[in-house]
Every structure is written in structure tokens, then in C-alpha cells.
PDB file of N, CA and C in Angstrom:
ATOM      1  N   MET A   1     -21.025  47.705 -13.007  1.00  0.00           N
ATOM      2  CA  MET A   1     -19.802  47.077 -12.581  1.00  0.00           C
ATOM      3  C   MET A   1     -18.972  46.765 -13.816  1.00  0.00           C
ATOM      4  N   THR A   2     -17.683  46.749 -13.651  1.00  0.00           N
ATOM      5  CA  THR A   2     -16.774  46.450 -14.753  1.00  0.00           C
ATOM      6  C   THR A   2     -16.130  45.086 -14.525  1.00  0.00           C
ATOM      7  N   ALA A   3     -16.081  44.292 -15.587  1.00  0.00           N
ATOM      8  CA  ALA A   3     -15.443  42.977 -15.543  1.00  0.00           C
ATOM      9  C   ALA A   3     -14.461  42.882 -16.703  1.00  0.00           C
ATOM     10  N   ARG A   4     -13.331  42.272 -16.480  1.00  0.00           N
ATOM     11  CA  ARG A   4     -12.365  42.063 -17.560  1.00  0.00           C
ATOM     12  C   ARG A   4     -12.826  40.910 -18.442  1.00  0.00           C
ATOM     13  N   SER A   5     -12.593  41.040 -19.704  1.00  0.00           N
ATOM     14  CA  SER A   5     -13.022  40.034 -20.672  1.00  0.00           C
ATOM     15  C   SER A   5     -12.474  38.655 -20.321  1.00  0.00           C
ATOM     16  N   GLY A   6     -13.394  37.680 -20.195  1.00  0.00           N
ATOM     17  CA  GLY A   6     -13.014  36.300 -19.931  1.00  0.00           C
ATOM     18  C   GLY A   6     -12.624  35.983 -18.504  1.00  0.00           C
ATOM     19  N   GLU A   7     -12.624  36.991 -17.596  1.00  0.00           N
ATOM     20  CA  GLU A   7     -12.217  36.754 -16.209  1.00  0.00           C
ATOM     21  C   GLU A   7     -13.428  36.656 -15.295  1.00  0.00           C
ATOM     22  N   ARG A   8     -13.391  35.718 -14.388  1.00  0.00           N
ATOM     23  CA  ARG A   8     -14.466  35.514 -13.418  1.00  0.00           C
ATOM     24  C   ARG A   8     -14.482  36.685 -12.431  1.00  0.00           C
ATOM     25  N   THR A   9     -15.666  37.309 -12.281  1.00  0.00           N
ATOM     26  CA  THR A   9     -15.812  38.491 -11.439  1.00  0.00           C
ATOM     27  C   THR A   9     -16.933  38.286 -10.431  1.00  0.00           C
ATOM     28  N   SER A  10     -16.667  38.547  -9.163  1.00  0.00           N
ATOM     29  CA  SER A  10     -17.677  38.434  -8.116  1.00  0.00           C
ATOM     30  C   SER A  10     -18.674  39.585  -8.252  1.00  0.00           C
ATOM     31  N   VAL A  11     -19.974  39.251  -8.245  1.00  0.00           N
ATOM     32  CA  VAL A  11     -20.993  40.294  -8.354  1.00  0.00           C
ATOM     33  C   VAL A  11     -21.931  40.347  -7.148  1.00  0.00           C
ATOM     34  N   LEU A  12     -21.999  39.282  -6.354  1.00  0.00           N
ATOM     35  CA  LEU A  12     -22.899  39.268  -5.201  1.00  0.00           C
ATOM     36  C   LEU A  12     -22.440  38.210  -4.212  1.00  0.00           C
ATOM     37  N   GLN A  13     -22.541  38.547  -2.926  1.00  0.00           N
ATOM     38  CA  GLN A  13     -22.332  37.570  -1.854  1.00  0.00           C
ATOM     39  C   GLN A  13     -23.434  37.790  -0.841  1.00  0.00           C
ATOM     40  N   ASN A  14     -23.976  36.693  -0.318  1.00  0.00           N
ATOM     41  CA  ASN A  14     -25.086  36.796   0.613  1.00  0.00           C
ATOM     42  C   ASN A  14     -25.001  35.635   1.605  1.00  0.00           C
ATOM     43  N   ALA A  15     -25.349  35.910   2.870  1.00  0.00           N
ATOM     44  CA  ALA A  15     -25.363  34.878   3.907  1.00  0.00           C
ATOM     45  C   ALA A  15     -26.645  35.011   4.715  1.00  0.00           C
ATOM     46  N   HIS A  16     -27.110  33.902   5.261  1.00  0.00           N
ATOM     47  CA  HIS A  16     -28.304  33.883   6.106  1.00  0.00           C
ATOM     48  C   HIS A  16     -27.862  33.384   7.477  1.00  0.00           C
ATOM     49  N   LEU A  17     -27.754  34.333   8.433  1.00  0.00           N
ATOM     50  CA  LEU A  17     -27.228  34.026   9.759  1.00  0.00           C
ATOM     51  C   LEU A  17     -28.268  34.337  10.829  1.00  0.00           C
ATOM     52  N   ASN A  18     -28.141  33.665  11.979  1.00  0.00           N
ATOM     53  CA  ASN A  18     -29.047  33.964  13.088  1.00  0.00           C
ATOM     54  C   ASN A  18     -28.474  35.107  13.922  1.00  0.00           C
ATOM     55  N   GLY A  19     -29.120  35.445  15.040  1.00  0.00           N
ATOM     56  CA  GLY A  19     -28.694  36.550  15.889  1.00  0.00           C
ATOM     57  C   GLY A  19     -27.328  36.372  16.520  1.00  0.00           C
ATOM     58  N   ASP A  20     -26.836  35.129  16.562  1.00  0.00           N
ATOM     59  CA  ASP A  20     -25.494  34.845  17.084  1.00  0.00           C
ATOM     60  C   ASP A  20     -24.460  34.719  15.970  1.00  0.00           C
ATOM     61  N   CYS A  21     -24.834  35.155  14.776  1.00  0.00           N
ATOM     62  CA  CYS A  21     -23.957  35.125  13.597  1.00  0.00           C
ATOM     63  C   CYS A  21     -23.606  33.702  13.169  1.00  0.00           C
ATOM     64  N   LYS A  22     -24.462  32.753  13.454  1.00  0.00           N
ATOM     65  CA  LYS A  22     -24.268  31.358  13.051  1.00  0.00           C
ATOM     66  C   LYS A  22     -25.075  31.074  11.790  1.00  0.00           C
ATOM     67  N   PHE A  23     -24.550  30.212  10.955  1.00  0.00           N
ATOM     68  CA  PHE A  23     -25.170  29.806   9.695  1.00  0.00           C
ATOM     69  C   PHE A  23     -26.562  29.219   9.917  1.00  0.00           C
ATOM     70  N   ILE A  24     -27.545  29.681   9.139  1.00  0.00           N
ATOM     71  CA  ILE A  24     -28.893  29.115   9.165  1.00  0.00           C
ATOM     72  C   ILE A  24     -29.074  28.221   7.943  1.00  0.00           C
ATOM     73  N   ASP A  25     -28.927  28.811   6.774  1.00  0.00           N
ATOM     74  CA  ASP A  25     -29.003  28.071   5.519  1.00  0.00           C
ATOM     75  C   ASP A  25     -28.456  28.955   4.404  1.00  0.00           C
ATOM     76  N   TYR A  26     -28.377  28.382   3.205  1.00  0.00           N
ATOM     77  CA  TYR A  26     -27.897  29.151   2.063  1.00  0.00           C
ATOM     78  C   TYR A  26     -29.042  29.986   1.508  1.00  0.00           C
ATOM     79  N   PRO A  27     -28.850  31.309   1.398  1.00  0.00           N
ATOM     80  CA  PRO A  27     -29.899  32.138   0.833  1.00  0.00           C
ATOM     81  C   PRO A  27     -30.188  31.743  -0.609  1.00  0.00           C
ATOM     82  N   ARG A  28     -31.430  31.886  -1.001  1.00  0.00           N
ATOM     83  CA  ARG A  28     -31.811  31.548  -2.372  1.00  0.00           C
ATOM     84  C   ARG A  28     -31.472  32.712  -3.298  1.00  0.00           C
ATOM     85  N   VAL A  29     -30.846  32.392  -4.408  1.00  0.00           N
ATOM     86  CA  VAL A  29     -30.562  33.363  -5.463  1.00  0.00           C
ATOM     87  C   VAL A  29     -30.995  32.714  -6.767  1.00  0.00           C
ATOM     88  N   ASP A  30     -31.851  33.392  -7.498  1.00  0.00           N
ATOM     89  CA  ASP A  30     -32.333  32.879  -8.776  1.00  0.00           C
ATOM     90  C   ASP A  30     -31.799  33.739  -9.905  1.00  0.00           C
ATOM     91  N   ILE A  31     -31.416  33.090 -10.997  1.00  0.00           N
ATOM     92  CA  ILE A  31     -31.035  33.825 -12.201  1.00  0.00           C
ATOM     93  C   ILE A  31     -32.305  33.958 -13.038  1.00  0.00           C
ATOM     94  N   VAL A  32     -32.824  35.169 -13.132  1.00  0.00           N
ATOM     95  CA  VAL A  32     -34.055  35.438 -13.872  1.00  0.00           C
ATOM     96  C   VAL A  32     -33.743  35.554 -15.359  1.00  0.00           C
ATOM     97  N   GLU A  33     -32.647  36.222 -15.663  1.00  0.00           N
ATOM     98  CA  GLU A  33     -32.228  36.400 -17.064  1.00  0.00           C
ATOM     99  C   GLU A  33     -30.727  36.190 -17.159  1.00  0.00           C
ATOM    100  N   GLN A  34     -30.315  35.253 -18.017  1.00  0.00           N
ATOM    101  CA  GLN A  34     -28.893  34.978 -18.239  1.00  0.00           C
ATOM    102  C   GLN A  34     -28.279  36.086 -19.101  1.00  0.00           C
ATOM    103  N   PRO A  35     -26.974  36.333 -18.952  1.00  0.00           N
ATOM    104  CA  PRO A  35     -26.312  37.310 -19.825  1.00  0.00           C
ATOM    105  C   PRO A  35     -26.206  36.768 -21.248  1.00  0.00           C
ATOM    106  N   LYS A  36     -26.195  37.663 -22.208  1.00  0.00           N
ATOM    107  CA  LYS A  36     -26.090  37.257 -23.616  1.00  0.00           C
ATOM    108  C   LYS A  36     -24.635  37.003 -24.047  1.00  0.00           C
ATOM    109  N   HIS A  37     -23.684  37.598 -23.310  1.00  0.00           N
ATOM    110  CA  HIS A  37     -22.280  37.531 -23.728  1.00  0.00           C
ATOM    111  C   HIS A  37     -21.378  36.888 -22.689  1.00  0.00           C
ATOM    112  N   GLY A  38     -21.943  35.997 -21.879  1.00  0.00           N
ATOM    113  CA  GLY A  38     -21.149  35.338 -20.846  1.00  0.00           C
ATOM    114  C   GLY A  38     -22.018  34.392 -20.058  1.00  0.00           C
ATOM    115  N   ARG A  39     -21.579  34.096 -18.829  1.00  0.00           N
ATOM    116  CA  ARG A  39     -22.342  33.170 -17.989  1.00  0.00           C
ATOM    117  C   ARG A  39     -22.253  33.621 -16.539  1.00  0.00           C
ATOM    118  N   THR A  40     -23.240  33.203 -15.760  1.00  0.00           N
ATOM    119  CA  THR A  40     -23.230  33.445 -14.329  1.00  0.00           C
ATOM    120  C   THR A  40     -23.154  32.110 -13.605  1.00  0.00           C
ATOM    121  N   GLU A  41     -22.544  32.124 -12.435  1.00  0.00           N
ATOM    122  CA  GLU A  41     -22.440  30.926 -11.594  1.00  0.00           C
ATOM    123  C   GLU A  41     -22.924  31.290 -10.200  1.00  0.00           C
ATOM    124  N   ILE A  42     -23.672  30.399  -9.582  1.00  0.00           N
ATOM    125  CA  ILE A  42     -24.083  30.550  -8.191  1.00  0.00           C
ATOM    126  C   ILE A  42     -23.405  29.427  -7.416  1.00  0.00           C
ATOM    127  N   ILE A  43     -22.590  29.803  -6.421  1.00  0.00           N
ATOM    128  CA  ILE A  43     -21.773  28.827  -5.706  1.00  0.00           C
ATOM    129  C   ILE A  43     -21.966  28.982  -4.203  1.00  0.00           C
ATOM    130  N   HIS A  44     -22.110  27.852  -3.495  1.00  0.00           N
ATOM    131  CA  HIS A  44     -22.124  27.851  -2.033  1.00  0.00           C
ATOM    132  C   HIS A  44     -20.671  27.784  -1.584  1.00  0.00           C
ATOM    133  N   GLN A  45     -20.248  28.779  -0.816  1.00  0.00           N
ATOM    134  CA  GLN A  45     -18.858  28.835  -0.374  1.00  0.00           C
ATOM    135  C   GLN A  45     -18.747  29.739   0.851  1.00  0.00           C
ATOM    136  N   PRO A  46     -17.635  29.656   1.576  1.00  0.00           N
ATOM    137  CA  PRO A  46     -17.414  30.586   2.681  1.00  0.00           C
ATOM    138  C   PRO A  46     -17.256  32.008   2.133  1.00  0.00           C
ATOM    139  N   ILE A  47     -17.897  32.963   2.799  1.00  0.00           N
ATOM    140  CA  ILE A  47     -17.775  34.369   2.427  1.00  0.00           C
ATOM    141  C   ILE A  47     -17.502  35.181   3.693  1.00  0.00           C
ATOM    142  N   VAL A  48     -17.076  36.420   3.529  1.00  0.00           N
ATOM    143  CA  VAL A  48     -16.944  37.350   4.643  1.00  0.00           C
ATOM    144  C   VAL A  48     -18.110  38.311   4.540  1.00  0.00           C
ATOM    145  N   VAL A  49     -18.941  38.347   5.579  1.00  0.00           N
ATOM    146  CA  VAL A  49     -20.131  39.191   5.577  1.00  0.00           C
ATOM    147  C   VAL A  49     -19.705  40.655   5.563  1.00  0.00           C
ATOM    148  N   ASP A  50     -20.329  41.440   4.689  1.00  0.00           N
ATOM    149  CA  ASP A  50     -20.016  42.861   4.555  1.00  0.00           C
ATOM    150  C   ASP A  50     -21.315  43.645   4.596  1.00  0.00           C
ATOM    151  N   SER A  51     -21.495  44.454   5.624  1.00  0.00           N
ATOM    152  CA  SER A  51     -22.731  45.217   5.793  1.00  0.00           C
ATOM    153  C   SER A  51     -22.718  46.513   5.001  1.00  0.00           C
ATOM    154  N   GLY A  52     -21.693  46.748   4.230  1.00  0.00           N
ATOM    155  CA  GLY A  52     -21.631  47.965   3.418  1.00  0.00           C
ATOM    156  C   GLY A  52     -21.413  49.227   4.243  1.00  0.00           C
ATOM    157  N   GLY A  53     -20.680  49.117   5.341  1.00  0.00           N
ATOM    158  CA  GLY A  53     -20.367  50.275   6.159  1.00  0.00           C
ATOM    159  C   GLY A  53     -21.299  50.473   7.346  1.00  0.00           C
ATOM    160  N   LYS A  54     -22.410  49.746   7.381  1.00  0.00           N
ATOM    161  CA  LYS A  54     -23.316  49.843   8.526  1.00  0.00           C
ATOM    162  C   LYS A  54     -22.698  49.058   9.692  1.00  0.00           C
ATOM    163  N   LYS A  55     -22.903  49.530  10.898  1.00  0.00           N
ATOM    164  CA  LYS A  55     -22.379  48.817  12.072  1.00  0.00           C
ATOM    165  C   LYS A  55     -23.368  47.725  12.441  1.00  0.00           C
ATOM    166  N   MET A  56     -23.120  46.523  11.930  1.00  0.00           N
ATOM    167  CA  MET A  56     -23.985  45.387  12.213  1.00  0.00           C
ATOM    168  C   MET A  56     -23.180  44.337  12.965  1.00  0.00           C
ATOM    169  N   LYS A  57     -23.863  43.601  13.836  1.00  0.00           N
ATOM    170  CA  LYS A  57     -23.212  42.617  14.701  1.00  0.00           C
ATOM    171  C   LYS A  57     -22.368  41.605  13.919  1.00  0.00           C
ATOM    172  N   CYS A  58     -22.884  41.113  12.800  1.00  0.00           N
ATOM    173  CA  CYS A  58     -22.205  40.041  12.063  1.00  0.00           C
ATOM    174  C   CYS A  58     -21.257  40.550  10.973  1.00  0.00           C
ATOM    175  N   ASP A  59     -21.041  41.851  10.896  1.00  0.00           N
ATOM    176  CA  ASP A  59     -20.145  42.404   9.883  1.00  0.00           C
ATOM    177  C   ASP A  59     -18.747  41.822  10.046  1.00  0.00           C
ATOM    178  N   LYS A  60     -18.155  41.432   8.954  1.00  0.00           N
ATOM    179  CA  LYS A  60     -16.793  40.881   8.874  1.00  0.00           C
ATOM    180  C   LYS A  60     -16.673  39.450   9.387  1.00  0.00           C
ATOM    181  N   VAL A  61     -17.801  38.788   9.661  1.00  0.00           N
ATOM    182  CA  VAL A  61     -17.800  37.395  10.091  1.00  0.00           C
ATOM    183  C   VAL A  61     -17.629  36.505   8.860  1.00  0.00           C
ATOM    184  N   LYS A  62     -16.804  35.468   8.978  1.00  0.00           N
ATOM    185  CA  LYS A  62     -16.670  34.489   7.899  1.00  0.00           C
ATOM    186  C   LYS A  62     -17.737  33.423   8.113  1.00  0.00           C
ATOM    187  N   ALA A  63     -18.551  33.174   7.076  1.00  0.00           N
ATOM    188  CA  ALA A  63     -19.676  32.242   7.203  1.00  0.00           C
ATOM    189  C   ALA A  63     -19.943  31.562   5.871  1.00  0.00           C
ATOM    190  N   ASN A  64     -20.659  30.451   5.925  1.00  0.00           N
ATOM    191  CA  ASN A  64     -21.114  29.821   4.689  1.00  0.00           C
ATOM    192  C   ASN A  64     -22.146  30.738   4.045  1.00  0.00           C
ATOM    193  N   GLY A  65     -22.066  30.878   2.738  1.00  0.00           N
ATOM    194  CA  GLY A  65     -22.987  31.757   2.037  1.00  0.00           C
ATOM    195  C   GLY A  65     -23.054  31.421   0.559  1.00  0.00           C
ATOM    196  N   VAL A  66     -23.631  32.335  -0.179  1.00  0.00           N
ATOM    197  CA  VAL A  66     -23.803  32.183  -1.623  1.00  0.00           C
ATOM    198  C   VAL A  66     -22.996  33.282  -2.309  1.00  0.00           C
ATOM    199  N   ALA A  67     -22.258  32.898  -3.329  1.00  0.00           N
ATOM    200  CA  ALA A  67     -21.519  33.856  -4.141  1.00  0.00           C
ATOM    201  C   ALA A  67     -21.986  33.714  -5.586  1.00  0.00           C
ATOM    202  N   VAL A  68     -22.126  34.852  -6.259  1.00  0.00           N
ATOM    203  CA  VAL A  68     -22.504  34.856  -7.669  1.00  0.00           C
ATOM    204  C   VAL A  68     -21.343  35.464  -8.446  1.00  0.00           C
ATOM    205  N   TYR A  69     -20.968  34.781  -9.519  1.00  0.00           N
ATOM    206  CA  TYR A  69     -19.872  35.234 -10.369  1.00  0.00           C
ATOM    207  C   TYR A  69     -20.361  35.391 -11.803  1.00  0.00           C
ATOM    208  N   TYR A  70     -19.762  36.362 -12.504  1.00  0.00           N
ATOM    209  CA  TYR A  70     -20.021  36.572 -13.936  1.00  0.00           C
ATOM    210  C   TYR A  70     -18.704  36.422 -14.674  1.00  0.00           C
ATOM    211  N   THR A  71     -18.747  35.717 -15.798  1.00  0.00           N
ATOM    212  CA  THR A  71     -17.592  35.593 -16.686  1.00  0.00           C
ATOM    213  C   THR A  71     -18.068  35.847 -18.101  1.00  0.00           C
ATOM    214  N   SER A  72     -17.479  36.853 -18.760  1.00  0.00           N
ATOM    215  CA  SER A  72     -17.845  37.116 -20.158  1.00  0.00           C
ATOM    216  C   SER A  72     -17.167  36.094 -21.063  1.00  0.00           C
ATOM    217  N   HIS A  73     -17.682  35.956 -22.272  1.00  0.00           N
ATOM    218  CA  HIS A  73     -17.015  35.116 -23.260  1.00  0.00           C
ATOM    219  C   HIS A  73     -15.629  35.721 -23.527  1.00  0.00           C
ATOM    220  N   PRO A  74     -14.594  34.880 -23.699  1.00  0.00           N
ATOM    221  CA  PRO A  74     -13.241  35.400 -23.974  1.00  0.00           C
ATOM    222  C   PRO A  74     -13.252  36.330 -25.181  1.00  0.00           C
ATOM    223  N   GLY A  75     -12.625  37.492 -25.025  1.00  0.00           N
ATOM    224  CA  GLY A  75     -12.525  38.452 -26.117  1.00  0.00           C
ATOM    225  C   GLY A  75     -13.698  39.410 -26.219  1.00  0.00           C
ATOM    226  N   TYR A  76     -14.773  39.156 -25.469  1.00  0.00           N
ATOM    227  CA  TYR A  76     -15.936  40.050 -25.555  1.00  0.00           C
ATOM    228  C   TYR A  76     -15.636  41.372 -24.849  1.00  0.00           C
ATOM    229  N   VAL A  77     -15.959  42.472 -25.535  1.00  0.00           N
ATOM    230  CA  VAL A  77     -15.829  43.808 -24.969  1.00  0.00           C
ATOM    231  C   VAL A  77     -17.143  44.529 -25.220  1.00  0.00           C
ATOM    232  N   GLY A  78     -17.739  45.053 -24.185  1.00  0.00           N
ATOM    233  CA  GLY A  78     -19.004  45.783 -24.324  1.00  0.00           C
ATOM    234  C   GLY A  78     -19.888  45.534 -23.124  1.00  0.00           C
ATOM    235  N   SER A  79     -21.111  46.004 -23.230  1.00  0.00           N
ATOM    236  CA  SER A  79     -22.075  45.861 -22.138  1.00  0.00           C
ATOM    237  C   SER A  79     -22.738  44.497 -22.163  1.00  0.00           C
ATOM    238  N   ASP A  80     -23.111  44.036 -21.014  1.00  0.00           N
ATOM    239  CA  ASP A  80     -23.880  42.805 -20.874  1.00  0.00           C
ATOM    240  C   ASP A  80     -24.841  43.016 -19.720  1.00  0.00           C
ATOM    241  N   LYS A  81     -25.848  42.195 -19.636  1.00  0.00           N
ATOM    242  CA  LYS A  81     -26.862  42.352 -18.594  1.00  0.00           C
ATOM    243  C   LYS A  81     -27.381  40.992 -18.175  1.00  0.00           C
ATOM    244  N   PHE A  82     -27.596  40.831 -16.877  1.00  0.00           N
ATOM    245  CA  PHE A  82     -28.296  39.660 -16.361  1.00  0.00           C
ATOM    246  C   PHE A  82     -29.103  40.122 -15.163  1.00  0.00           C
ATOM    247  N   ILE A  83     -30.117  39.344 -14.820  1.00  0.00           N
ATOM    248  CA  ILE A  83     -30.997  39.722 -13.716  1.00  0.00           C
ATOM    249  C   ILE A  83     -31.025  38.600 -12.689  1.00  0.00           C
ATOM    250  N   LEU A  84     -30.787  38.974 -11.410  1.00  0.00           N
ATOM    251  CA  LEU A  84     -30.835  38.045 -10.294  1.00  0.00           C
ATOM    252  C   LEU A  84     -32.020  38.408  -9.410  1.00  0.00           C
ATOM    253  N   ARG A  85     -32.526  37.409  -8.714  1.00  0.00           N
ATOM    254  CA  ARG A  85     -33.585  37.646  -7.721  1.00  0.00           C
ATOM    255  C   ARG A  85     -33.178  36.969  -6.428  1.00  0.00           C
ATOM    256  N   THR A  86     -33.249  37.695  -5.330  1.00  0.00           N
ATOM    257  CA  THR A  86     -33.015  37.127  -4.015  1.00  0.00           C
ATOM    258  C   THR A  86     -34.291  37.344  -3.215  1.00  0.00           C
ATOM    259  N   PRO A  87     -35.137  36.321  -3.122  1.00  0.00           N
ATOM    260  CA  PRO A  87     -36.405  36.469  -2.399  1.00  0.00           C
ATOM    261  C   PRO A  87     -36.183  36.898  -0.959  1.00  0.00           C
ATOM    262  N   LYS A  88     -37.060  37.738  -0.469  1.00  0.00           N
ATOM    263  CA  LYS A  88     -37.009  38.184   0.919  1.00  0.00           C
ATOM    264  C   LYS A  88     -37.287  37.001   1.828  1.00  0.00           C
ATOM    265  N   SER A  89     -36.449  36.808   2.831  1.00  0.00           N
ATOM    266  CA  SER A  89     -36.649  35.677   3.739  1.00  0.00           C
ATOM    267  C   SER A  89     -37.187  36.167   5.077  1.00  0.00           C
ATOM    268  N   ALA A  90     -37.852  35.282   5.775  1.00  0.00           N
ATOM    269  CA  ALA A  90     -38.393  35.622   7.089  1.00  0.00           C
ATOM    270  C   ALA A  90     -37.269  35.715   8.105  1.00  0.00           C
ATOM    271  N   ALA A  91     -37.446  36.553   9.084  1.00  0.00           N
ATOM    272  CA  ALA A  91     -36.440  36.698  10.138  1.00  0.00           C
ATOM    273  C   ALA A  91     -36.414  35.448  11.009  1.00  0.00           C
ATOM    274  N   ALA A  92     -35.233  35.098  11.455  1.00  0.00           N
ATOM    275  CA  ALA A  92     -35.104  33.917  12.323  1.00  0.00           C
ATOM    276  C   ALA A  92     -35.531  34.281  13.737  1.00  0.00           C
ATOM    277  N   SER A  93     -36.139  33.323  14.407  1.00  0.00           N
ATOM    278  CA  SER A  93     -36.554  33.596  15.794  1.00  0.00           C
ATOM    279  C   SER A  93     -35.688  32.819  16.763  1.00  0.00           C
TER     280      SER A  93
END
């Protein structure tokens, strides 16, 4: 992914919804490795669910979720790397 130097860039959005597309809880996202040339933020906020082109019931629903953002240090140009983990959650019944 490409990010502009010093600008906050969305890198991940995730929601945990039940079969009726209602909020269950905030999915867990862990930062395993921080970037060397910037910072990551994990924020609970409303997101629009995107199934990536798959026809899913909750696609395009606005729901509470987790968003992850990356911001490089101002003036930094080059590659950076960070590692996120999103543990697999059990299906809701």
C-alpha cells in the first residue's frame, strides 16, 4: 500500500456483526510489530462494511467497528513495515 509522507492512511477496517447485521463487539486487533518510520493507531469508530466484492448480507452496512491507521514521520520517504494480528473469532449463534 502507498501512503503519503506524514498523512494518516487507513489500512484496515473490521466489524463483528451478528446474522442480522447488528453490532456484537469490537473485533480485536493487535499490533505485533510497530513501524520503524511512523506510527499505527487502532480506533473504535463507525465503518462501512466492505466484503471485497462478495455478495454478503451485511455488505455496505454502517456499523461500529475497528479502524487501523498508519502515519509516517513527516518527510519520510521509503518503505516501512508493521505487523497486525486479528485473532479468529467464534461465530455468533
